[in-house]
Amino acid sequence: MGNALRFLYANCCKPKTSDDDHPQSTVSVSALAHDLFNFENTSQVPEGLSRHVVSSKKAQAKWYRKLIDGWKEARPPPKTPEEAARLVILTLKGHKKEDVEGLLTFYGLPLSHTPVEVPVQRPTSLPHGVQYEIHTLPVDAKAVADGDGLTVYVSTADPRESSQVPSNVHIAAVHRAEARSRRNYQEADALHKQIIDAGYRMISFENGEILAKKYRIRLRGIDAPENAMPYGKEAKTELTKIVQGKSLRVLIYGEDQYQRLVGDIYCNNIFVQELMLKKGLAWHYAAYDKRPELETWEKEARAKRVGLWASKNPEKPWDWRKDRRN
């Protein structure tokens, strides 16, 4: 047994005196560490596990051997439920989805998958004014509201998110997985509604599901035509074409009056606001963002008369909104 696992067992775990299932309150790494320690000494998988998984005890024994090796190789070893869940998912990659989810549920570990790799390089330091950055799951076309706003989801396996998930959301996700395993879809749907009402959602990904946090994003520094305005549909269509099915890197500067996060969006190293301006499908929102490069990109589009600049005197979206309010 590796020192890390032995230390965790010695300091966090107490030997069991019964063969009962782990209670739901045991949402901890220590329960898994205990059973790995016990398996290496007895070659016995825990009683009760078979009620949560579909494979035989012989197959279960193979999982525990792999998990012991994975735990020993982990640097650093898992210390949180999210880290333990990630180790289980990576170690048992390729095994039946029902087995992996059942094992996670048995230990009360979050049913979240490995974070999506984002094809952009993280900066060593964030630009001035950036509060933090998020890396999204692939964007659905229906999530694009207009030419400068969209909804994104971030996996709770992300280190920044994992510590902020409310316990009731974790518990609802675990109970929902159990309900689905019993084919009680009515109960599962009711639990998913609780998760959605809390600002989260179970997202389908790689033949499984990810618990993800919902964010509404407003693209910083540009203002696209509203959907009902001329070129509004074209702007929405272009933004959808850029981000659909892509994982995004979003630099967050703050929040607007509608509780949307205001940020710069990068997609495959492409600065999305730059593309929207150069295609003539957005104005530089100079009242809120003084960056000179945004002004330059708008002027280039004006000179080429592309997009909305094909019109002689296109109405500004902020004037359009003001007229509608009045």
C-alpha atoms as a PDB file:
ATOM      1  CA  MET A   1       0.000   0.000   0.000  1.00  0.00           C
ATOM      2  CA  GLY A   2       1.311   3.459  -0.907  1.00  0.00           C
ATOM      3  CA  ASN A   3       2.203   5.813   1.920  1.00  0.00           C
ATOM      4  CA  ALA A   4      -0.370   8.379   0.819  1.00  0.00           C
ATOM      5  CA  LEU A   5      -3.241   5.890   1.031  1.00  0.00           C
ATOM      6  CA  ARG A   6      -1.974   4.391   4.299  1.00  0.00           C
ATOM      7  CA  PHE A   7      -1.654   7.869   5.852  1.00  0.00           C
ATOM      8  CA  LEU A   8      -5.145   8.896   4.752  1.00  0.00           C
ATOM      9  CA  TYR A   9      -6.656   5.685   6.044  1.00  0.00           C
ATOM     10  CA  ALA A  10      -4.878   5.991   9.383  1.00  0.00           C
ATOM     11  CA  ASN A  11      -5.938   9.591   9.892  1.00  0.00           C
ATOM     12  CA  CYS A  12      -9.403   9.696   8.330  1.00  0.00           C
ATOM     13  CA  CYS A  13     -10.922   6.221   8.410  1.00  0.00           C
ATOM     14  CA  LYS A  14     -12.278   3.970  11.106  1.00  0.00           C
ATOM     15  CA  PRO A  15     -12.697   0.218  10.520  1.00  0.00           C
ATOM     16  CA  LYS A  16     -16.258  -0.838   9.765  1.00  0.00           C
ATOM     17  CA  THR A  17     -18.168  -3.050  12.114  1.00  0.00           C
ATOM     18  CA  SER A  18     -20.956  -3.967   9.674  1.00  0.00           C
ATOM     19  CA  ASP A  19     -21.445  -4.805   6.036  1.00  0.00           C
ATOM     20  CA  ASP A  20     -23.992  -2.005   5.422  1.00  0.00           C
ATOM     21  CA  ASP A  21     -23.781   0.365   2.468  1.00  0.00           C
ATOM     22  CA  HIS A  22     -21.961   3.640   2.967  1.00  0.00           C
ATOM     23  CA  PRO A  23     -24.600   6.141   4.113  1.00  0.00           C
ATOM     24  CA  GLN A  24     -25.190   9.180   1.940  1.00  0.00           C
ATOM     25  CA  SER A  25     -23.628  11.358   4.633  1.00  0.00           C
ATOM     26  CA  THR A  26     -20.293   9.627   3.978  1.00  0.00           C
ATOM     27  CA  VAL A  27     -19.488  11.875   1.033  1.00  0.00           C
ATOM     28  CA  SER A  28     -15.779  11.577   1.579  1.00  0.00           C
ATOM     29  CA  VAL A  29     -12.484  10.351   0.268  1.00  0.00           C
ATOM     30  CA  SER A  30     -11.943   8.418   3.475  1.00  0.00           C
ATOM     31  CA  ALA A  31     -14.636   5.838   2.647  1.00  0.00           C
ATOM     32  CA  LEU A  32     -12.921   4.980  -0.634  1.00  0.00           C
ATOM     33  CA  ALA A  33      -9.484   4.991   1.014  1.00  0.00           C
ATOM     34  CA  HIS A  34     -10.755   2.585   3.682  1.00  0.00           C
ATOM     35  CA  ASP A  35     -12.069   0.104   1.139  1.00  0.00           C
ATOM     36  CA  LEU A  36      -8.907   0.253  -0.980  1.00  0.00           C
ATOM     37  CA  PHE A  37      -6.840  -0.396   2.131  1.00  0.00           C
ATOM     38  CA  ASN A  38      -9.129  -3.260   3.104  1.00  0.00           C
ATOM     39  CA  PHE A  39      -9.073  -4.758  -0.420  1.00  0.00           C
ATOM     40  CA  GLU A  40      -5.278  -4.836  -0.581  1.00  0.00           C
ATOM     41  CA  ASN A  41      -5.227  -6.768   2.684  1.00  0.00           C
ATOM     42  CA  THR A  42      -8.220  -9.070   2.152  1.00  0.00           C
ATOM     43  CA  SER A  43      -8.955  -9.048  -1.625  1.00  0.00           C
ATOM     44  CA  GLN A  44     -12.593  -8.480  -0.676  1.00  0.00           C
ATOM     45  CA  VAL A  45     -14.732  -5.802  -2.309  1.00  0.00           C
ATOM     46  CA  PRO A  46     -17.207  -4.064   0.018  1.00  0.00           C
ATOM     47  CA  GLU A  47     -20.578  -5.692   0.590  1.00  0.00           C
ATOM     48  CA  GLY A  48     -23.455  -3.704  -0.843  1.00  0.00           C
ATOM     49  CA  LEU A  49     -21.543  -2.479  -3.883  1.00  0.00           C
ATOM     50  CA  SER A  50     -23.258  -5.060  -6.100  1.00  0.00           C
ATOM     51  CA  ARG A  51     -26.582  -3.300  -5.524  1.00  0.00           C
ATOM     52  CA  HIS A  52     -25.165  -0.187  -7.225  1.00  0.00           C
ATOM     53  CA  VAL A  53     -23.301  -1.712 -10.191  1.00  0.00           C
ATOM     54  CA  VAL A  54     -24.076  -4.243 -12.917  1.00  0.00           C
ATOM     55  CA  SER A  55     -20.808  -6.210 -13.201  1.00  0.00           C
ATOM     56  CA  SER A  56     -19.757  -9.248 -11.199  1.00  0.00           C
ATOM     57  CA  LYS A  57     -17.616  -9.269  -8.061  1.00  0.00           C
ATOM     58  CA  LYS A  58     -14.759 -10.624 -10.145  1.00  0.00           C
ATOM     59  CA  ALA A  59     -14.945  -7.496 -12.296  1.00  0.00           C
ATOM     60  CA  GLN A  60     -15.260  -5.330  -9.185  1.00  0.00           C
ATOM     61  CA  ALA A  61     -12.024  -6.807  -7.842  1.00  0.00           C
ATOM     62  CA  LYS A  62     -10.250  -5.712 -11.030  1.00  0.00           C
ATOM     63  CA  TRP A  63     -11.524  -2.163 -10.506  1.00  0.00           C
ATOM     64  CA  TYR A  64     -10.083  -2.034  -6.996  1.00  0.00           C
ATOM     65  CA  ARG A  65      -6.685  -3.304  -8.157  1.00  0.00           C
ATOM     66  CA  LYS A  66      -6.612  -0.551 -10.793  1.00  0.00           C
ATOM     67  CA  LEU A  67      -7.764   2.066  -8.280  1.00  0.00           C
ATOM     68  CA  ILE A  68      -5.013   1.107  -5.842  1.00  0.00           C
ATOM     69  CA  ASP A  69      -2.398   1.505  -8.586  1.00  0.00           C
ATOM     70  CA  GLY A  70      -3.952   4.781  -9.692  1.00  0.00           C
ATOM     71  CA  TRP A  71      -3.979   6.124  -6.149  1.00  0.00           C
ATOM     72  CA  LYS A  72      -0.325   5.260  -5.636  1.00  0.00           C
ATOM     73  CA  GLU A  73       0.633   7.008  -8.879  1.00  0.00           C
ATOM     74  CA  ALA A  74      -1.424  10.149  -8.220  1.00  0.00           C
ATOM     75  CA  ARG A  75       0.668  13.260  -7.542  1.00  0.00           C
ATOM     76  CA  PRO A  76      -0.668  14.620  -5.269  1.00  0.00           C
ATOM     77  CA  PRO A  77      -3.069  11.929  -4.001  1.00  0.00           C
ATOM     78  CA  PRO A  78      -6.799  12.789  -3.911  1.00  0.00           C
ATOM     79  CA  LYS A  79      -7.872  14.917  -0.976  1.00  0.00           C
ATOM     80  CA  THR A  80     -11.326  16.122  -2.007  1.00  0.00           C
ATOM     81  CA  PRO A  81     -14.422  14.281  -3.300  1.00  0.00           C
ATOM     82  CA  GLU A  82     -13.937  15.940  -6.694  1.00  0.00           C
ATOM     83  CA  GLU A  83     -10.331  14.738  -6.953  1.00  0.00           C
ATOM     84  CA  ALA A  84     -11.325  11.216  -5.889  1.00  0.00           C
ATOM     85  CA  ALA A  85     -14.160  11.166  -8.444  1.00  0.00           C
ATOM     86  CA  ARG A  86     -11.754  12.303 -11.157  1.00  0.00           C
ATOM     87  CA  LEU A  87      -9.324   9.502 -10.266  1.00  0.00           C
ATOM     88  CA  VAL A  88     -12.114   6.900 -10.394  1.00  0.00           C
ATOM     89  CA  ILE A  89     -13.322   8.140 -13.798  1.00  0.00           C
ATOM     90  CA  LEU A  90      -9.842   8.271 -15.326  1.00  0.00           C
ATOM     91  CA  THR A  91      -8.825   4.899 -13.900  1.00  0.00           C
ATOM     92  CA  LEU A  92     -11.991   3.131 -15.028  1.00  0.00           C
ATOM     93  CA  LYS A  93     -12.202   4.851 -18.394  1.00  0.00           C
ATOM     94  CA  GLY A  94     -13.626   2.384 -20.904  1.00  0.00           C
ATOM     95  CA  HIS A  95     -15.658   0.469 -18.330  1.00  0.00           C
ATOM     96  CA  LYS A  96     -19.448   0.444 -18.355  1.00  0.00           C
ATOM     97  CA  LYS A  97     -21.044   3.801 -17.611  1.00  0.00           C
ATOM     98  CA  GLU A  98     -23.477   2.143 -15.163  1.00  0.00           C
ATOM     99  CA  ASP A  99     -20.561   0.696 -13.197  1.00  0.00           C
ATOM    100  CA  VAL A 100     -18.610   3.943 -12.948  1.00  0.00           C
ATOM    101  CA  GLU A 101     -21.687   5.929 -11.942  1.00  0.00           C
ATOM    102  CA  GLY A 102     -22.709   3.222  -9.490  1.00  0.00           C
ATOM    103  CA  LEU A 103     -19.273   3.225  -7.851  1.00  0.00           C
ATOM    104  CA  LEU A 104     -19.330   7.015  -7.519  1.00  0.00           C
ATOM    105  CA  THR A 105     -22.833   6.897  -6.068  1.00  0.00           C
ATOM    106  CA  PHE A 106     -21.830   4.157  -3.600  1.00  0.00           C
ATOM    107  CA  TYR A 107     -19.160   6.466  -2.161  1.00  0.00           C
ATOM    108  CA  GLY A 108     -21.214   9.646  -2.438  1.00  0.00           C
ATOM    109  CA  LEU A 109     -18.697  11.120  -4.872  1.00  0.00           C
ATOM    110  CA  PRO A 110     -19.785  13.756  -7.422  1.00  0.00           C
ATOM    111  CA  LEU A 111     -20.923  12.410 -10.773  1.00  0.00           C
ATOM    112  CA  SER A 112     -18.673  14.728 -12.780  1.00  0.00           C
ATOM    113  CA  HIS A 113     -16.357  13.754 -15.606  1.00  0.00           C
ATOM    114  CA  THR A 114     -12.887  14.868 -16.494  1.00  0.00           C
ATOM    115  CA  PRO A 115     -12.833  18.590 -17.407  1.00  0.00           C
ATOM    116  CA  VAL A 116     -12.910  19.296 -21.128  1.00  0.00           C
ATOM    117  CA  GLU A 117      -9.504  20.211 -22.497  1.00  0.00           C
ATOM    118  CA  VAL A 118      -9.643  23.721 -23.958  1.00  0.00           C
ATOM    119  CA  PRO A 119      -7.429  24.205 -27.028  1.00  0.00           C
ATOM    120  CA  VAL A 120      -5.934  27.481 -25.857  1.00  0.00           C
ATOM    121  CA  GLN A 121      -2.878  28.166 -23.776  1.00  0.00           C
ATOM    122  CA  ARG A 122      -3.508  29.629 -20.367  1.00  0.00           C
ATOM    123  CA  PRO A 123      -1.625  32.851 -19.719  1.00  0.00           C
ATOM    124  CA  THR A 124       0.878  32.998 -16.892  1.00  0.00           C
ATOM    125  CA  SER A 125      -0.912  36.129 -15.659  1.00  0.00           C
ATOM    126  CA  LEU A 126      -4.306  37.598 -16.440  1.00  0.00           C
ATOM    127  CA  PRO A 127      -4.678  40.939 -18.257  1.00  0.00           C
ATOM    128  CA  HIS A 128      -5.331  44.059 -16.190  1.00  0.00           C
ATOM    129  CA  GLY A 129      -8.899  44.214 -14.919  1.00  0.00           C
ATOM    130  CA  VAL A 130      -9.663  40.516 -15.309  1.00  0.00           C
ATOM    131  CA  GLN A 131     -11.152  39.085 -12.127  1.00  0.00           C
ATOM    132  CA  TYR A 132     -10.923  35.433 -13.167  1.00  0.00           C
ATOM    133  CA  GLU A 133     -11.309  33.155 -16.179  1.00  0.00           C
ATOM    134  CA  ILE A 134     -13.590  30.244 -16.948  1.00  0.00           C
ATOM    135  CA  HIS A 135     -13.307  27.372 -19.430  1.00  0.00           C
ATOM    136  CA  THR A 136     -16.625  26.183 -20.763  1.00  0.00           C
ATOM    137  CA  LEU A 137     -18.065  22.944 -22.015  1.00  0.00           C
ATOM    138  CA  PRO A 138     -18.913  22.872 -25.751  1.00  0.00           C
ATOM    139  CA  VAL A 139     -21.543  25.514 -26.511  1.00  0.00           C
ATOM    140  CA  ASP A 140     -24.980  24.549 -27.809  1.00  0.00           C
ATOM    141  CA  ALA A 141     -26.354  26.622 -30.692  1.00  0.00           C
ATOM    142  CA  LYS A 142     -29.543  27.285 -28.727  1.00  0.00           C
ATOM    143  CA  ALA A 143     -27.478  28.961 -26.007  1.00  0.00           C
ATOM    144  CA  VAL A 144     -26.680  31.976 -28.214  1.00  0.00           C
ATOM    145  CA  ALA A 145     -29.189  34.712 -27.382  1.00  0.00           C
ATOM    146  CA  ASP A 146     -28.081  37.356 -29.880  1.00  0.00           C
ATOM    147  CA  GLY A 147     -24.925  38.795 -31.424  1.00  0.00           C
ATOM    148  CA  ASP A 148     -23.324  39.719 -28.104  1.00  0.00           C
ATOM    149  CA  GLY A 149     -24.751  37.344 -25.507  1.00  0.00           C
ATOM    150  CA  LEU A 150     -24.845  33.622 -24.789  1.00  0.00           C
ATOM    151  CA  THR A 151     -25.235  31.056 -22.036  1.00  0.00           C
ATOM    152  CA  VAL A 152     -22.366  28.708 -21.173  1.00  0.00           C
ATOM    153  CA  TYR A 153     -21.789  25.834 -18.766  1.00  0.00           C
ATOM    154  CA  VAL A 154     -18.645  25.037 -16.777  1.00  0.00           C
ATOM    155  CA  SER A 155     -17.944  21.565 -15.409  1.00  0.00           C
ATOM    156  CA  THR A 156     -17.985  21.324 -11.619  1.00  0.00           C
ATOM    157  CA  ALA A 157     -14.870  19.158 -11.931  1.00  0.00           C
ATOM    158  CA  ASP A 158     -13.058  22.429 -12.658  1.00  0.00           C
ATOM    159  CA  PRO A 159     -11.011  23.299  -9.541  1.00  0.00           C
ATOM    160  CA  ARG A 160     -12.577  26.752  -9.245  1.00  0.00           C
ATOM    161  CA  GLU A 161     -16.103  25.344  -9.416  1.00  0.00           C
ATOM    162  CA  SER A 162     -15.713  22.188  -7.339  1.00  0.00           C
ATOM    163  CA  SER A 163     -15.446  24.014  -4.008  1.00  0.00           C
ATOM    164  CA  GLN A 164     -18.518  26.154  -4.710  1.00  0.00           C
ATOM    165  CA  VAL A 165     -21.144  23.525  -5.523  1.00  0.00           C
ATOM    166  CA  PRO A 166     -23.907  23.595  -2.858  1.00  0.00           C
ATOM    167  CA  SER A 167     -24.273  20.339  -0.962  1.00  0.00           C
ATOM    168  CA  ASN A 168     -27.958  20.067  -1.890  1.00  0.00           C
ATOM    169  CA  VAL A 169     -26.986  20.116  -5.579  1.00  0.00           C
ATOM    170  CA  HIS A 170     -24.446  17.316  -5.052  1.00  0.00           C
ATOM    171  CA  ILE A 171     -27.023  15.272  -3.148  1.00  0.00           C
ATOM    172  CA  ALA A 172     -29.683  15.843  -5.817  1.00  0.00           C
ATOM    173  CA  ALA A 173     -27.227  14.682  -8.499  1.00  0.00           C
ATOM    174  CA  VAL A 174     -26.466  11.496  -6.563  1.00  0.00           C
ATOM    175  CA  HIS A 175     -30.156  10.758  -5.934  1.00  0.00           C
ATOM    176  CA  ARG A 176     -30.959  11.465  -9.576  1.00  0.00           C
ATOM    177  CA  ALA A 177     -28.380   8.904 -10.718  1.00  0.00           C
ATOM    178  CA  GLU A 178     -29.949   6.361  -8.373  1.00  0.00           C
ATOM    179  CA  ALA A 179     -33.436   7.157  -9.698  1.00  0.00           C
ATOM    180  CA  ARG A 180     -32.238   6.718 -13.288  1.00  0.00           C
ATOM    181  CA  SER A 181     -30.650   3.381 -12.422  1.00  0.00           C
ATOM    182  CA  ARG A 182     -34.063   2.272 -11.110  1.00  0.00           C
ATOM    183  CA  ARG A 183     -35.665   3.667 -14.317  1.00  0.00           C
ATOM    184  CA  ASN A 184     -37.729   6.040 -12.205  1.00  0.00           C
ATOM    185  CA  TYR A 185     -37.481   8.857 -14.719  1.00  0.00           C
ATOM    186  CA  GLN A 186     -40.248  10.923 -13.146  1.00  0.00           C
ATOM    187  CA  GLU A 187     -38.251  11.191  -9.922  1.00  0.00           C
ATOM    188  CA  ALA A 188     -35.058  11.799 -11.902  1.00  0.00           C
ATOM    189  CA  ASP A 189     -36.685  14.659 -13.815  1.00  0.00           C
ATOM    190  CA  ALA A 190     -37.946  16.235 -10.593  1.00  0.00           C
ATOM    191  CA  LEU A 191     -34.433  16.095  -9.120  1.00  0.00           C
ATOM    192  CA  HIS A 192     -32.963  17.568 -12.301  1.00  0.00           C
ATOM    193  CA  LYS A 193     -35.412  20.472 -11.989  1.00  0.00           C
ATOM    194  CA  GLN A 194     -34.041  21.102  -8.484  1.00  0.00           C
ATOM    195  CA  ILE A 195     -30.531  21.139  -9.928  1.00  0.00           C
ATOM    196  CA  ILE A 196     -31.564  23.527 -12.725  1.00  0.00           C
ATOM    197  CA  ASP A 197     -33.366  25.852 -10.315  1.00  0.00           C
ATOM    198  CA  ALA A 198     -30.100  26.116  -8.360  1.00  0.00           C
ATOM    199  CA  GLY A 199     -28.232  27.297 -11.466  1.00  0.00           C
ATOM    200  CA  TYR A 200     -26.740  23.962 -12.534  1.00  0.00           C
ATOM    201  CA  ARG A 201     -27.525  21.296 -15.109  1.00  0.00           C
ATOM    202  CA  MET A 202     -26.551  17.730 -16.002  1.00  0.00           C
ATOM    203  CA  ILE A 203     -24.863  17.996 -19.417  1.00  0.00           C
ATOM    204  CA  SER A 204     -24.462  14.993 -21.730  1.00  0.00           C
ATOM    205  CA  PHE A 205     -20.805  14.407 -22.574  1.00  0.00           C
ATOM    206  CA  GLU A 206     -18.857  11.416 -23.928  1.00  0.00           C
ATOM    207  CA  ASN A 207     -21.610   8.825 -23.278  1.00  0.00           C
ATOM    208  CA  GLY A 208     -22.092  10.174 -19.779  1.00  0.00           C
ATOM    209  CA  GLU A 209     -23.178  13.280 -17.927  1.00  0.00           C
ATOM    210  CA  ILE A 210     -21.392  16.209 -16.282  1.00  0.00           C
ATOM    211  CA  LEU A 211     -22.742  18.367 -13.493  1.00  0.00           C
ATOM    212  CA  ALA A 212     -22.143  21.913 -14.731  1.00  0.00           C
ATOM    213  CA  LYS A 213     -22.659  25.496 -13.531  1.00  0.00           C
ATOM    214  CA  LYS A 214     -24.649  27.883 -15.720  1.00  0.00           C
ATOM    215  CA  TYR A 215     -23.315  31.325 -16.640  1.00  0.00           C
ATOM    216  CA  ARG A 216     -24.805  34.044 -18.858  1.00  0.00           C
ATOM    217  CA  ILE A 217     -22.113  35.974 -20.724  1.00  0.00           C
ATOM    218  CA  ARG A 218     -22.197  39.460 -22.252  1.00  0.00           C
ATOM    219  CA  LEU A 219     -19.374  40.080 -24.743  1.00  0.00           C
ATOM    220  CA  ARG A 220     -17.329  42.991 -23.436  1.00  0.00           C
ATOM    221  CA  GLY A 221     -16.719  46.073 -25.556  1.00  0.00           C
ATOM    222  CA  ILE A 222     -19.178  45.447 -28.403  1.00  0.00           C
ATOM    223  CA  ASP A 223     -22.882  45.988 -28.985  1.00  0.00           C
ATOM    224  CA  ALA A 224     -24.499  43.907 -31.732  1.00  0.00           C
ATOM    225  CA  PRO A 225     -27.825  44.757 -33.388  1.00  0.00           C
ATOM    226  CA  GLU A 226     -30.805  43.469 -31.411  1.00  0.00           C
ATOM    227  CA  ASN A 227     -32.506  40.448 -32.975  1.00  0.00           C
ATOM    228  CA  ALA A 228     -35.426  42.586 -34.210  1.00  0.00           C
ATOM    229  CA  MET A 229     -33.100  45.151 -35.822  1.00  0.00           C
ATOM    230  CA  PRO A 230     -31.630  44.996 -39.321  1.00  0.00           C
ATOM    231  CA  TYR A 231     -28.645  42.616 -39.264  1.00  0.00           C
ATOM    232  CA  GLY A 232     -29.718  41.332 -35.842  1.00  0.00           C
ATOM    233  CA  LYS A 233     -30.357  37.823 -37.151  1.00  0.00           C
ATOM    234  CA  GLU A 234     -27.106  37.898 -39.131  1.00  0.00           C
ATOM    235  CA  ALA A 235     -25.147  38.855 -36.006  1.00  0.00           C
ATOM    236  CA  LYS A 236     -26.710  36.050 -33.972  1.00  0.00           C
ATOM    237  CA  THR A 237     -26.076  33.561 -36.779  1.00  0.00           C
ATOM    238  CA  GLU A 238     -22.415  34.589 -37.046  1.00  0.00           C
ATOM    239  CA  LEU A 239     -21.787  34.320 -33.300  1.00  0.00           C
ATOM    240  CA  THR A 240     -23.494  30.915 -33.302  1.00  0.00           C
ATOM    241  CA  LYS A 241     -21.287  29.750 -36.175  1.00  0.00           C
ATOM    242  CA  ILE A 242     -18.157  30.837 -34.273  1.00  0.00           C
ATOM    243  CA  VAL A 243     -18.913  29.183 -30.921  1.00  0.00           C
ATOM    244  CA  GLN A 244     -21.222  26.241 -31.688  1.00  0.00           C
ATOM    245  CA  GLY A 245     -19.759  22.980 -30.414  1.00  0.00           C
ATOM    246  CA  LYS A 246     -16.622  24.753 -29.168  1.00  0.00           C
ATOM    247  CA  SER A 247     -15.136  25.049 -25.679  1.00  0.00           C
ATOM    248  CA  LEU A 248     -14.486  28.686 -24.830  1.00  0.00           C
ATOM    249  CA  ARG A 249     -12.026  30.553 -22.688  1.00  0.00           C
ATOM    250  CA  VAL A 250     -13.739  33.547 -21.082  1.00  0.00           C
ATOM    251  CA  LEU A 251     -11.917  36.330 -19.220  1.00  0.00           C
ATOM    252  CA  ILE A 252     -14.362  37.843 -16.732  1.00  0.00           C
ATOM    253  CA  TYR A 253     -14.181  41.557 -15.914  1.00  0.00           C
ATOM    254  CA  GLY A 254     -17.338  41.934 -13.871  1.00  0.00           C
ATOM    255  CA  GLU A 255     -21.128  41.735 -13.941  1.00  0.00           C
ATOM    256  CA  ASP A 256     -23.730  43.941 -15.616  1.00  0.00           C
ATOM    257  CA  GLN A 257     -27.106  45.151 -14.354  1.00  0.00           C
ATOM    258  CA  TYR A 258     -28.786  41.980 -15.648  1.00  0.00           C
ATOM    259  CA  GLN A 259     -26.487  39.673 -13.638  1.00  0.00           C
ATOM    260  CA  ARG A 260     -24.609  38.626 -16.770  1.00  0.00           C
ATOM    261  CA  LEU A 261     -20.844  38.151 -16.604  1.00  0.00           C
ATOM    262  CA  VAL A 262     -19.055  40.657 -18.833  1.00  0.00           C
ATOM    263  CA  GLY A 263     -16.046  39.129 -20.516  1.00  0.00           C
ATOM    264  CA  ASP A 264     -13.708  38.638 -23.449  1.00  0.00           C
ATOM    265  CA  ILE A 265     -14.301  35.357 -25.279  1.00  0.00           C
ATOM    266  CA  TYR A 266     -11.640  33.300 -27.025  1.00  0.00           C
ATOM    267  CA  CYS A 267     -12.454  30.342 -29.272  1.00  0.00           C
ATOM    268  CA  ASN A 268      -9.510  28.298 -30.605  1.00  0.00           C
ATOM    269  CA  ASN A 269      -7.258  31.305 -29.910  1.00  0.00           C
ATOM    270  CA  ILE A 270      -9.601  33.602 -31.871  1.00  0.00           C
ATOM    271  CA  PHE A 271     -10.775  36.771 -30.114  1.00  0.00           C
ATOM    272  CA  VAL A 272     -14.511  36.630 -30.783  1.00  0.00           C
ATOM    273  CA  GLN A 273     -15.186  40.365 -30.364  1.00  0.00           C
ATOM    274  CA  GLU A 274     -12.517  41.130 -32.963  1.00  0.00           C
ATOM    275  CA  LEU A 275     -14.180  38.820 -35.462  1.00  0.00           C
ATOM    276  CA  MET A 276     -17.637  40.295 -34.888  1.00  0.00           C
ATOM    277  CA  LEU A 277     -16.329  43.841 -35.375  1.00  0.00           C
ATOM    278  CA  LYS A 278     -14.323  43.026 -38.495  1.00  0.00           C
ATOM    279  CA  LYS A 279     -17.338  41.331 -40.075  1.00  0.00           C
ATOM    280  CA  GLY A 280     -19.387  44.473 -39.521  1.00  0.00           C
ATOM    281  CA  LEU A 281     -21.863  42.774 -37.204  1.00  0.00           C
ATOM    282  CA  ALA A 282     -21.283  44.852 -34.070  1.00  0.00           C
ATOM    283  CA  TRP A 283     -20.455  48.356 -32.906  1.00  0.00           C
ATOM    284  CA  HIS A 284     -17.544  49.237 -30.661  1.00  0.00           C
ATOM    285  CA  TYR A 285     -19.331  49.976 -27.366  1.00  0.00           C
ATOM    286  CA  ALA A 286     -17.114  52.967 -26.604  1.00  0.00           C
ATOM    287  CA  ALA A 287     -19.256  54.167 -23.695  1.00  0.00           C
ATOM    288  CA  TYR A 288     -18.137  51.141 -21.676  1.00  0.00           C
ATOM    289  CA  ASP A 289     -14.840  50.100 -23.274  1.00  0.00           C
ATOM    290  CA  LYS A 290     -12.111  52.463 -24.490  1.00  0.00           C
ATOM    291  CA  ARG A 291      -9.757  49.913 -26.031  1.00  0.00           C
ATOM    292  CA  PRO A 292      -8.357  51.490 -29.206  1.00  0.00           C
ATOM    293  CA  GLU A 293      -8.102  48.193 -31.085  1.00  0.00           C
ATOM    294  CA  LEU A 294     -11.877  47.792 -30.932  1.00  0.00           C
ATOM    295  CA  GLU A 295     -12.313  51.240 -32.469  1.00  0.00           C
ATOM    296  CA  THR A 296      -9.772  50.340 -35.185  1.00  0.00           C
ATOM    297  CA  TRP A 297     -11.569  47.111 -36.104  1.00  0.00           C
ATOM    298  CA  GLU A 298     -14.895  48.930 -36.378  1.00  0.00           C
ATOM    299  CA  LYS A 299     -13.353  51.618 -38.613  1.00  0.00           C
ATOM    300  CA  GLU A 300     -11.887  48.932 -40.888  1.00  0.00           C
ATOM    301  CA  ALA A 301     -15.327  47.352 -41.325  1.00  0.00           C
ATOM    302  CA  ARG A 302     -16.904  50.770 -41.977  1.00  0.00           C
ATOM    303  CA  ALA A 303     -14.330  51.526 -44.669  1.00  0.00           C
ATOM    304  CA  LYS A 304     -15.008  48.209 -46.402  1.00  0.00           C
ATOM    305  CA  ARG A 305     -18.798  48.663 -45.985  1.00  0.00           C
ATOM    306  CA  VAL A 306     -19.213  45.096 -44.784  1.00  0.00           C
ATOM    307  CA  GLY A 307     -22.130  43.813 -42.735  1.00  0.00           C
ATOM    308  CA  LEU A 308     -24.379  46.485 -41.287  1.00  0.00           C
ATOM    309  CA  TRP A 309     -22.066  49.187 -42.682  1.00  0.00           C
ATOM    310  CA  ALA A 310     -23.532  48.479 -46.108  1.00  0.00           C
ATOM    311  CA  SER A 311     -26.363  50.724 -44.906  1.00  0.00           C
ATOM    312  CA  LYS A 312     -25.767  54.469 -45.097  1.00  0.00           C
ATOM    313  CA  ASN A 313     -26.897  55.285 -41.592  1.00  0.00           C
ATOM    314  CA  PRO A 314     -27.468  52.120 -39.492  1.00  0.00           C
ATOM    315  CA  GLU A 315     -29.324  52.668 -36.244  1.00  0.00           C
ATOM    316  CA  LYS A 316     -27.228  52.133 -33.122  1.00  0.00           C
ATOM    317  CA  PRO A 317     -28.584  49.422 -30.814  1.00  0.00           C
ATOM    318  CA  TRP A 318     -28.365  51.614 -27.707  1.00  0.00           C
ATOM    319  CA  ASP A 319     -30.513  54.267 -29.460  1.00  0.00           C
ATOM    320  CA  TRP A 320     -32.927  51.560 -30.624  1.00  0.00           C
ATOM    321  CA  ARG A 321     -33.311  50.263 -27.044  1.00  0.00           C
ATOM    322  CA  LYS A 322     -33.786  53.785 -25.680  1.00  0.00           C
ATOM    323  CA  ASP A 323     -36.562  54.505 -28.188  1.00  0.00           C
ATOM    324  CA  ARG A 324     -38.346  51.274 -27.227  1.00  0.00           C
ATOM    325  CA  ARG A 325     -38.122  52.114 -23.514  1.00  0.00           C
ATOM    326  CA  ASN A 326     -39.523  55.593 -24.102  1.00  0.00           C
END
